[in-house]
PDB file of all heavy atoms in Angstrom:
ATOM      1  N   LEU A   1     -13.278 169.735 101.390  1.00  0.00           N
ATOM      2  CA  LEU A   1     -13.973 170.269 100.232  1.00  0.00           C
ATOM      3  C   LEU A   1     -15.476 170.204 100.466  1.00  0.00           C
ATOM      4  O   LEU A   1     -15.973 169.336 101.201  1.00  0.00           O
ATOM      5  CB  LEU A   1     -13.577 169.468  98.994  1.00  0.00           C
ATOM      6  CG  LEU A   1     -12.093 169.546  98.602  1.00  0.00           C
ATOM      7  CD1 LEU A   1     -11.812 168.611  97.442  1.00  0.00           C
ATOM      8  CD2 LEU A   1     -11.698 170.972  98.242  1.00  0.00           C
ATOM      9  N   PRO A   2     -16.227 171.082  99.841  1.00  0.00           N
ATOM     10  CA  PRO A   2     -17.668 171.095 100.075  1.00  0.00           C
ATOM     11  C   PRO A   2     -18.376 169.922  99.412  1.00  0.00           C
ATOM     12  O   PRO A   2     -17.802 169.192  98.592  1.00  0.00           O
ATOM     13  CB  PRO A   2     -18.110 172.435  99.460  1.00  0.00           C
ATOM     14  CG  PRO A   2     -17.080 172.723  98.431  1.00  0.00           C
ATOM     15  CD  PRO A   2     -15.788 172.171  98.957  1.00  0.00           C
ATOM     16  N   PHE A   3     -19.664 169.743  99.786  1.00  0.00           N
ATOM     17  CA  PHE A   3     -20.573 168.749  99.193  1.00  0.00           C
ATOM     18  C   PHE A   3     -20.088 167.317  99.410  1.00  0.00           C
ATOM     19  O   PHE A   3     -20.409 166.426  98.623  1.00  0.00           O
ATOM     20  CB  PHE A   3     -20.777 169.001  97.705  1.00  0.00           C
ATOM     21  CG  PHE A   3     -21.170 170.412  97.374  1.00  0.00           C
ATOM     22  CD1 PHE A   3     -20.285 171.247  96.708  1.00  0.00           C
ATOM     23  CD2 PHE A   3     -22.401 170.912  97.747  1.00  0.00           C
ATOM     24  CE1 PHE A   3     -20.635 172.558  96.417  1.00  0.00           C
ATOM     25  CE2 PHE A   3     -22.757 172.219  97.457  1.00  0.00           C
ATOM     26  CZ  PHE A   3     -21.875 173.049  96.798  1.00  0.00           C
ATOM     27  N   GLY A   4     -19.270 167.079 100.434  1.00  0.00           N
ATOM     28  CA  GLY A   4     -18.826 165.721 100.718  1.00  0.00           C
ATOM     29  C   GLY A   4     -17.780 165.172  99.779  1.00  0.00           C
ATOM     30  O   GLY A   4     -17.594 163.944  99.711  1.00  0.00           O
ATOM     31  N   ILE A   5     -17.092 166.037  99.047  1.00  0.00           N
ATOM     32  CA  ILE A   5     -16.067 165.557  98.117  1.00  0.00           C
ATOM     33  C   ILE A   5     -14.900 164.939  98.875  1.00  0.00           C
ATOM     34  O   ILE A   5     -14.335 163.920  98.467  1.00  0.00           O
ATOM     35  CB  ILE A   5     -15.600 166.716  97.215  1.00  0.00           C
ATOM     36  CG1 ILE A   5     -16.776 167.250  96.389  1.00  0.00           C
ATOM     37  CG2 ILE A   5     -14.475 166.272  96.294  1.00  0.00           C
ATOM     38  CD1 ILE A   5     -16.439 168.443  95.531  1.00  0.00           C
ATOM     39  N   SER A   6     -14.531 165.562 100.006  1.00  0.00           N
ATOM     40  CA  SER A   6     -13.419 165.023 100.802  1.00  0.00           C
ATOM     41  C   SER A   6     -13.732 163.623 101.312  1.00  0.00           C
ATOM     42  O   SER A   6     -12.852 162.757 101.359  1.00  0.00           O
ATOM     43  CB  SER A   6     -13.112 165.957 101.967  1.00  0.00           C
ATOM     44  OG  SER A   6     -12.739 167.240 101.500  1.00  0.00           O
ATOM     45  N   ASP A   7     -15.001 163.367 101.694  1.00  0.00           N
ATOM     46  CA  ASP A   7     -15.367 162.035 102.180  1.00  0.00           C
ATOM     47  C   ASP A   7     -15.240 160.987 101.083  1.00  0.00           C
ATOM     48  O   ASP A   7     -14.783 159.861 101.336  1.00  0.00           O
ATOM     49  CB  ASP A   7     -16.792 162.057 102.723  1.00  0.00           C
ATOM     50  CG  ASP A   7     -16.933 162.995 103.924  1.00  0.00           C
ATOM     51  OD1 ASP A   7     -15.917 163.225 104.602  1.00  0.00           O
ATOM     52  OD2 ASP A   7     -18.051 163.497 104.162  1.00  0.00           O
ATOM     53  N   HIS A   8     -15.620 161.340  99.864  1.00  0.00           N
ATOM     54  CA  HIS A   8     -15.479 160.390  98.760  1.00  0.00           C
ATOM     55  C   HIS A   8     -14.013 160.139  98.431  1.00  0.00           C
ATOM     56  O   HIS A   8     -13.633 158.996  98.091  1.00  0.00           O
ATOM     57  CB  HIS A   8     -16.220 160.914  97.525  1.00  0.00           C
ATOM     58  CG  HIS A   8     -17.714 160.743  97.605  1.00  0.00           C
ATOM     59  ND1 HIS A   8     -18.517 161.565  98.350  1.00  0.00           N
ATOM     60  CD2 HIS A   8     -18.539 159.826  97.027  1.00  0.00           C
ATOM     61  CE1 HIS A   8     -19.783 161.179  98.226  1.00  0.00           C
ATOM     62  NE2 HIS A   8     -19.820 160.133  97.427  1.00  0.00           N
ATOM     63  N   ILE A   9     -13.182 161.162  98.507  1.00  0.00           N
ATOM     64  CA  ILE A   9     -11.749 160.973  98.252  1.00  0.00           C
ATOM     65  C   ILE A   9     -11.139 160.078  99.326  1.00  0.00           C
ATOM     66  O   ILE A   9     -10.336 159.183  99.033  1.00  0.00           O
ATOM     67  CB  ILE A   9     -11.042 162.336  98.186  1.00  0.00           C
ATOM     68  CG1 ILE A   9     -11.545 163.137  96.979  1.00  0.00           C
ATOM     69  CG2 ILE A   9      -9.534 162.155  98.102  1.00  0.00           C
ATOM     70  CD1 ILE A   9     -10.966 164.532  96.880  1.00  0.00           C
ATOM     71  N   ASP A  10     -11.537 160.304 100.573  1.00  0.00           N
ATOM     72  CA  ASP A  10     -11.040 159.451 101.653  1.00  0.00           C
ATOM     73  C   ASP A  10     -11.507 158.011 101.486  1.00  0.00           C
ATOM     74  O   ASP A  10     -10.752 157.059 101.771  1.00  0.00           O
ATOM     75  CB  ASP A  10     -11.512 159.992 103.002  1.00  0.00           C
ATOM     76  CG  ASP A  10     -10.906 161.348 103.329  1.00  0.00           C
ATOM     77  OD1 ASP A  10      -9.852 161.675 102.735  1.00  0.00           O
ATOM     78  OD2 ASP A  10     -11.493 162.087 104.146  1.00  0.00           O
ATOM     79  N   ALA A  11     -12.730 157.835 101.008  1.00  0.00           N
ATOM     80  CA  ALA A  11     -13.224 156.473 100.782  1.00  0.00           C
ATOM     81  C   ALA A  11     -12.439 155.781  99.666  1.00  0.00           C
ATOM     82  O   ALA A  11     -12.136 154.580  99.750  1.00  0.00           O
ATOM     83  CB  ALA A  11     -14.711 156.512 100.437  1.00  0.00           C
ATOM     84  N   ALA A  12     -12.093 156.537  98.617  1.00  0.00           N
ATOM     85  CA  ALA A  12     -11.296 155.951  97.533  1.00  0.00           C
ATOM     86  C   ALA A  12      -9.897 155.579  98.015  1.00  0.00           C
ATOM     87  O   ALA A  12      -9.377 154.498  97.680  1.00  0.00           O
ATOM     88  CB  ALA A  12     -11.215 156.933  96.371  1.00  0.00           C
ATOM     89  N   MET A  13      -9.278 156.436  98.815  1.00  0.00           N
ATOM     90  CA  MET A  13      -7.957 156.112  99.352  1.00  0.00           C
ATOM     91  C   MET A  13      -8.009 154.932 100.318  1.00  0.00           C
ATOM     92  O   MET A  13      -7.085 154.107 100.362  1.00  0.00           O
ATOM     93  CB  MET A  13      -7.386 157.344 100.056  1.00  0.00           C
ATOM     94  CG  MET A  13      -7.186 158.555  99.149  1.00  0.00           C
ATOM     95  SD  MET A  13      -6.147 158.203  97.725  1.00  0.00           S
ATOM     96  CE  MET A  13      -4.600 157.841  98.515  1.00  0.00           C
ATOM     97  N   GLN A  14      -9.090 154.825 101.070  1.00  0.00           N
ATOM     98  CA  GLN A  14      -9.255 153.688 101.977  1.00  0.00           C
ATOM     99  C   GLN A  14      -9.409 152.387 101.195  1.00  0.00           C
ATOM    100  O   GLN A  14      -8.841 151.348 101.569  1.00  0.00           O
ATOM    101  CB  GLN A  14     -10.464 153.917 102.885  1.00  0.00           C
ATOM    102  CG  GLN A  14     -10.636 152.869 103.967  1.00  0.00           C
ATOM    103  CD  GLN A  14      -9.516 152.908 104.994  1.00  0.00           C
ATOM    104  OE1 GLN A  14      -8.939 153.965 105.230  1.00  0.00           O
ATOM    105  NE2 GLN A  14      -9.223 151.768 105.589  1.00  0.00           N
ATOM    106  N   LEU A  15     -10.171 152.431 100.091  1.00  0.00           N
ATOM    107  CA  LEU A  15     -10.312 151.247  99.246  1.00  0.00           C
ATOM    108  C   LEU A  15      -8.981 150.859  98.616  1.00  0.00           C
ATOM    109  O   LEU A  15      -8.659 149.671  98.495  1.00  0.00           O
ATOM    110  CB  LEU A  15     -11.359 151.507  98.163  1.00  0.00           C
ATOM    111  CG  LEU A  15     -11.596 150.381  97.157  1.00  0.00           C
ATOM    112  CD1 LEU A  15     -12.127 149.132  97.863  1.00  0.00           C
ATOM    113  CD2 LEU A  15     -12.554 150.824  96.060  1.00  0.00           C
ATOM    114  N   LEU A  16      -8.189 151.860  98.226  1.00  0.00           N
ATOM    115  CA  LEU A  16      -6.877 151.581  97.642  1.00  0.00           C
ATOM    116  C   LEU A  16      -5.959 150.901  98.649  1.00  0.00           C
ATOM    117  O   LEU A  16      -5.206 149.989  98.287  1.00  0.00           O
ATOM    118  CB  LEU A  16      -6.251 152.879  97.137  1.00  0.00           C
ATOM    119  CG  LEU A  16      -4.835 152.774  96.558  1.00  0.00           C
ATOM    120  CD1 LEU A  16      -4.806 151.847  95.355  1.00  0.00           C
ATOM    121  CD2 LEU A  16      -4.311 154.162  96.178  1.00  0.00           C
ATOM    122  N   SER A  17      -6.001 151.338  99.900  1.00  0.00           N
ATOM    123  CA  SER A  17      -5.135 150.732 100.908  1.00  0.00           C
ATOM    124  C   SER A  17      -5.640 149.366 101.363  1.00  0.00           C
ATOM    125  O   SER A  17      -4.837 148.479 101.666  1.00  0.00           O
ATOM    126  CB  SER A  17      -5.021 151.676 102.116  1.00  0.00           C
ATOM    127  OG  SER A  17      -6.301 151.905 102.694  1.00  0.00           O
ATOM    128  N   ASP A  18      -6.974 149.160 101.401  1.00  0.00           N
ATOM    129  CA  ASP A  18      -7.521 147.893 101.860  1.00  0.00           C
ATOM    130  C   ASP A  18      -7.482 146.819 100.783  1.00  0.00           C
ATOM    131  O   ASP A  18      -7.073 145.683 101.040  1.00  0.00           O
ATOM    132  CB  ASP A  18      -8.961 148.089 102.350  1.00  0.00           C
ATOM    133  CG  ASP A  18      -9.028 148.978 103.586  1.00  0.00           C
ATOM    134  OD1 ASP A  18      -7.980 149.164 104.231  1.00  0.00           O
ATOM    135  OD2 ASP A  18     -10.124 149.510 103.867  1.00  0.00           O
ATOM    136  N   ASP A  19      -7.902 147.147  99.574  1.00  0.00           N
ATOM    137  CA  ASP A  19      -7.995 146.167  98.491  1.00  0.00           C
ATOM    138  C   ASP A  19      -7.554 146.831  97.191  1.00  0.00           C
ATOM    139  O   ASP A  19      -8.380 147.396  96.458  1.00  0.00           O
ATOM    140  CB  ASP A  19      -9.432 145.645  98.378  1.00  0.00           C
ATOM    141  CG  ASP A  19      -9.506 144.407  97.506  1.00  0.00           C
ATOM    142  OD1 ASP A  19      -8.500 144.061  96.864  1.00  0.00           O
ATOM    143  OD2 ASP A  19     -10.591 143.787  97.455  1.00  0.00           O
ATOM    144  N   PRO A  20      -6.251 146.814  96.877  1.00  0.00           N
ATOM    145  CA  PRO A  20      -5.786 147.468  95.643  1.00  0.00           C
ATOM    146  C   PRO A  20      -6.381 146.870  94.376  1.00  0.00           C
ATOM    147  O   PRO A  20      -6.626 147.588  93.402  1.00  0.00           O
ATOM    148  CB  PRO A  20      -4.264 147.283  95.695  1.00  0.00           C
ATOM    149  CG  PRO A  20      -3.947 147.031  97.132  1.00  0.00           C
ATOM    150  CD  PRO A  20      -5.129 146.297  97.677  1.00  0.00           C
ATOM    151  N   MET A  21      -6.631 145.558  94.363  1.00  0.00           N
ATOM    152  CA  MET A  21      -7.196 144.933  93.171  1.00  0.00           C
ATOM    153  C   MET A  21      -8.618 145.434  92.906  1.00  0.00           C
ATOM    154  O   MET A  21      -8.993 145.701  91.763  1.00  0.00           O
ATOM    155  CB  MET A  21      -7.187 143.421  93.329  1.00  0.00           C
ATOM    156  CG  MET A  21      -5.795 142.804  93.322  1.00  0.00           C
ATOM    157  SD  MET A  21      -4.902 143.154  91.795  1.00  0.00           S
ATOM    158  CE  MET A  21      -5.959 142.342  90.612  1.00  0.00           C
ATOM    159  N   ALA A  22      -9.415 145.564  93.941  1.00  0.00           N
ATOM    160  CA  ALA A  22     -10.775 146.089  93.766  1.00  0.00           C
ATOM    161  C   ALA A  22     -10.737 147.541  93.293  1.00  0.00           C
ATOM    162  O   ALA A  22     -11.544 147.945  92.443  1.00  0.00           O
ATOM    163  CB  ALA A  22     -11.550 145.975  95.078  1.00  0.00           C
ATOM    164  N   PHE A  23      -9.808 148.312  93.823  1.00  0.00           N
ATOM    165  CA  PHE A  23      -9.675 149.705  93.379  1.00  0.00           C
ATOM    166  C   PHE A  23      -9.264 149.769  91.908  1.00  0.00           C
ATOM    167  O   PHE A  23      -9.798 150.591  91.146  1.00  0.00           O
ATOM    168  CB  PHE A  23      -8.648 150.422  94.254  1.00  0.00           C
ATOM    169  CG  PHE A  23      -8.438 151.863  93.877  1.00  0.00           C
ATOM    170  CD1 PHE A  23      -9.315 152.847  94.315  1.00  0.00           C
ATOM    171  CD2 PHE A  23      -7.361 152.230  93.087  1.00  0.00           C
ATOM    172  CE1 PHE A  23      -9.122 154.179  93.957  1.00  0.00           C
ATOM    173  CE2 PHE A  23      -7.166 153.561  92.730  1.00  0.00           C
ATOM    174  CZ  PHE A  23      -8.046 154.529  93.167  1.00  0.00           C
ATOM    175  N   ALA A  24      -8.336 148.897  91.503  1.00  0.00           N
ATOM    176  CA  ALA A  24      -7.901 148.892  90.104  1.00  0.00           C
ATOM    177  C   ALA A  24      -9.042 148.484  89.173  1.00  0.00           C
ATOM    178  O   ALA A  24      -9.231 149.082  88.107  1.00  0.00           O
ATOM    179  CB  ALA A  24      -6.705 147.942  89.948  1.00  0.00           C
ATOM    180  N   LYS A  25      -9.831 147.473  89.559  1.00  0.00           N
ATOM    181  CA  LYS A  25     -10.964 147.061  88.736  1.00  0.00           C
ATOM    182  C   LYS A  25     -12.002 148.174  88.630  1.00  0.00           C
ATOM    183  O   LYS A  25     -12.593 148.399  87.567  1.00  0.00           O
ATOM    184  CB  LYS A  25     -11.598 145.801  89.310  1.00  0.00           C
ATOM    185  CG  LYS A  25     -10.737 144.552  89.174  1.00  0.00           C
ATOM    186  CD  LYS A  25     -11.432 143.339  89.767  1.00  0.00           C
ATOM    187  CE  LYS A  25     -10.572 142.100  89.636  1.00  0.00           C
ATOM    188  NZ  LYS A  25     -11.239 140.902  90.238  1.00  0.00           N
ATOM    189  N   CYS A  26     -12.212 148.876  89.725  1.00  0.00           N
ATOM    190  CA  CYS A  26     -13.172 149.979  89.717  1.00  0.00           C
ATOM    191  C   CYS A  26     -12.733 151.081  88.763  1.00  0.00           C
ATOM    192  O   CYS A  26     -13.513 151.568  87.934  1.00  0.00           O
ATOM    193  CB  CYS A  26     -13.340 150.518  91.134  1.00  0.00           C
ATOM    194  SG  CYS A  26     -14.448 151.936  91.267  1.00  0.00           S
ATOM    195  N   MET A  27     -11.453 151.472  88.858  1.00  0.00           N
ATOM    196  CA  MET A  27     -10.953 152.541  87.991  1.00  0.00           C
ATOM    197  C   MET A  27     -10.906 152.099  86.531  1.00  0.00           C
ATOM    198  O   MET A  27     -11.206 152.891  85.624  1.00  0.00           O
ATOM    199  CB  MET A  27      -9.560 152.966  88.451  1.00  0.00           C
ATOM    200  CG  MET A  27      -9.528 153.660  89.808  1.00  0.00           C
ATOM    201  SD  MET A  27     -10.419 155.232  89.813  1.00  0.00           S
ATOM    202  CE  MET A  27     -11.888 154.782  90.764  1.00  0.00           C
ATOM    203  N   LEU A  28     -10.538 150.839  86.287  1.00  0.00           N
ATOM    204  CA  LEU A  28     -10.506 150.350  84.911  1.00  0.00           C
ATOM    205  C   LEU A  28     -11.901 150.317  84.303  1.00  0.00           C
ATOM    206  O   LEU A  28     -12.076 150.564  83.101  1.00  0.00           O
ATOM    207  CB  LEU A  28      -9.872 148.959  84.866  1.00  0.00           C
ATOM    208  CG  LEU A  28      -8.350 148.907  85.036  1.00  0.00           C
ATOM    209  CD1 LEU A  28      -7.867 147.465  85.069  1.00  0.00           C
ATOM    210  CD2 LEU A  28      -7.657 149.670  83.916  1.00  0.00           C
ATOM    211  N   GLY A  29     -12.897 150.005  85.109  1.00  0.00           N
ATOM    212  CA  GLY A  29     -14.267 150.012  84.598  1.00  0.00           C
ATOM    213  C   GLY A  29     -14.711 151.397  84.164  1.00  0.00           C
ATOM    214  O   GLY A  29     -15.302 151.570  83.091  1.00  0.00           O
TER     215      GLY A  29
END
């Protein structure tokens, strides 16, 4: 996707796989 959207999505998926608790806290915030 343009404007680096794909990189941000990949970073979110990487955070979900590395630290699910941190990803959940981020989304809940």
